[in-house]
Amino acid sequence: MSANTRSAGPAVSRVPSEDELDWRVFRLSKLGADDWLAAQIAVSDVDVHDVERLLAAACPLELAWEILR
């Protein structure tokens, strides 16, 4: 490895709490997601705030999901 190359190291994954998952599903439902899509996004690493920003920019929810996952 050269002096200018850095190793990214191991990826760290955080498991959200049940309360956080409930909030994410609730918030995504309020944004227009059906139960299935809300659950899919809620358990993913996608930031709900990023979904909100794309929706605010007139991006359809399903496309926002495709972009962010």
C-alpha atoms as a PDB file:
ATOM      1  CA  MET A   1       0.000   0.000   0.000  1.00  0.00           C
ATOM      2  CA  SER A   2       1.440   3.401  -0.927  1.00  0.00           C
ATOM      3  CA  ALA A   3       1.781   6.264   1.554  1.00  0.00           C
ATOM      4  CA  ASN A   4      -1.242   8.006  -0.004  1.00  0.00           C
ATOM      5  CA  THR A   5      -3.548   4.981   0.152  1.00  0.00           C
ATOM      6  CA  ARG A   6      -5.732   4.383   3.167  1.00  0.00           C
ATOM      7  CA  SER A   7      -7.660   1.306   4.128  1.00  0.00           C
ATOM      8  CA  ALA A   8     -11.357   1.950   4.732  1.00  0.00           C
ATOM      9  CA  GLY A   9     -11.382  -0.644   7.504  1.00  0.00           C
ATOM     10  CA  PRO A  10     -14.285  -2.865   8.397  1.00  0.00           C
ATOM     11  CA  ALA A  11     -17.804  -1.595   7.806  1.00  0.00           C
ATOM     12  CA  VAL A  12     -19.763  -0.903  10.961  1.00  0.00           C
ATOM     13  CA  SER A  13     -23.441  -1.735  10.908  1.00  0.00           C
ATOM     14  CA  ARG A  14     -25.807  -0.502  13.609  1.00  0.00           C
ATOM     15  CA  VAL A  15     -28.986  -2.367  14.489  1.00  0.00           C
ATOM     16  CA  PRO A  16     -31.838   0.097  15.070  1.00  0.00           C
ATOM     17  CA  SER A  17     -33.981  -0.278  18.185  1.00  0.00           C
ATOM     18  CA  GLU A  18     -37.612  -1.352  17.952  1.00  0.00           C
ATOM     19  CA  ASP A  19     -38.670   2.218  18.815  1.00  0.00           C
ATOM     20  CA  GLU A  20     -36.551   3.576  15.971  1.00  0.00           C
ATOM     21  CA  LEU A  21     -37.993   1.066  13.512  1.00  0.00           C
ATOM     22  CA  ASP A  22     -41.521   1.951  14.650  1.00  0.00           C
ATOM     23  CA  TRP A  23     -40.780   5.657  14.142  1.00  0.00           C
ATOM     24  CA  ARG A  24     -39.287   5.031  10.699  1.00  0.00           C
ATOM     25  CA  VAL A  25     -42.337   3.011   9.568  1.00  0.00           C
ATOM     26  CA  PHE A  26     -44.678   5.668  10.987  1.00  0.00           C
ATOM     27  CA  ARG A  27     -42.772   8.513   9.315  1.00  0.00           C
ATOM     28  CA  LEU A  28     -42.548   6.726   5.970  1.00  0.00           C
ATOM     29  CA  SER A  29     -46.277   5.956   6.101  1.00  0.00           C
ATOM     30  CA  LYS A  30     -46.945   9.661   6.655  1.00  0.00           C
ATOM     31  CA  LEU A  31     -44.799  10.354   3.589  1.00  0.00           C
ATOM     32  CA  GLY A  32     -47.043   8.096   1.498  1.00  0.00           C
ATOM     33  CA  ALA A  33     -45.383   4.686   1.644  1.00  0.00           C
ATOM     34  CA  ASP A  34     -47.621   1.647   1.808  1.00  0.00           C
ATOM     35  CA  ASP A  35     -46.963  -0.799   4.676  1.00  0.00           C
ATOM     36  CA  TRP A  36     -44.657  -3.017   2.609  1.00  0.00           C
ATOM     37  CA  LEU A  37     -42.478  -0.188   1.274  1.00  0.00           C
ATOM     38  CA  ALA A  38     -42.355   1.552   4.654  1.00  0.00           C
ATOM     39  CA  ALA A  39     -41.109  -1.672   6.254  1.00  0.00           C
ATOM     40  CA  GLN A  40     -38.523  -2.241   3.501  1.00  0.00           C
ATOM     41  CA  ILE A  41     -37.091   1.253   3.894  1.00  0.00           C
ATOM     42  CA  ALA A  42     -37.314   1.161   7.708  1.00  0.00           C
ATOM     43  CA  VAL A  43     -35.061  -1.886   8.039  1.00  0.00           C
ATOM     44  CA  SER A  44     -32.564  -0.578   5.475  1.00  0.00           C
ATOM     45  CA  ASP A  45     -29.608   1.752   6.007  1.00  0.00           C
ATOM     46  CA  VAL A  46     -31.440   4.498   4.083  1.00  0.00           C
ATOM     47  CA  ASP A  47     -31.741   7.773   5.996  1.00  0.00           C
ATOM     48  CA  VAL A  48     -35.426   8.761   6.230  1.00  0.00           C
ATOM     49  CA  HIS A  49     -34.378  12.406   6.029  1.00  0.00           C
ATOM     50  CA  ASP A  50     -32.802  11.730   2.630  1.00  0.00           C
ATOM     51  CA  VAL A  51     -36.129  10.255   1.511  1.00  0.00           C
ATOM     52  CA  GLU A  52     -37.873  13.409   2.745  1.00  0.00           C
ATOM     53  CA  ARG A  53     -35.450  15.639   0.827  1.00  0.00           C
ATOM     54  CA  LEU A  54     -36.021  13.762  -2.418  1.00  0.00           C
ATOM     55  CA  LEU A  55     -39.792  13.899  -1.949  1.00  0.00           C
ATOM     56  CA  ALA A  56     -39.551  17.650  -1.308  1.00  0.00           C
ATOM     57  CA  ALA A  57     -37.769  17.891  -4.675  1.00  0.00           C
ATOM     58  CA  ALA A  58     -40.786  16.190  -6.339  1.00  0.00           C
ATOM     59  CA  CYS A  59     -39.157  12.768  -6.610  1.00  0.00           C
ATOM     60  CA  PRO A  60     -41.688   9.921  -6.446  1.00  0.00           C
ATOM     61  CA  LEU A  61     -41.291   7.744  -3.361  1.00  0.00           C
ATOM     62  CA  GLU A  62     -40.524   4.555  -5.268  1.00  0.00           C
ATOM     63  CA  LEU A  63     -37.805   6.332  -7.247  1.00  0.00           C
ATOM     64  CA  ALA A  64     -36.352   7.821  -4.057  1.00  0.00           C
ATOM     65  CA  TRP A  65     -36.134   4.269  -2.682  1.00  0.00           C
ATOM     66  CA  GLU A  66     -34.365   3.057  -5.829  1.00  0.00           C
ATOM     67  CA  ILE A  67     -31.898   5.950  -5.692  1.00  0.00           C
ATOM     68  CA  LEU A  68     -31.064   5.592  -2.007  1.00  0.00           C
ATOM     69  CA  ARG A  69     -30.821   1.845  -1.521  1.00  0.00           C
END
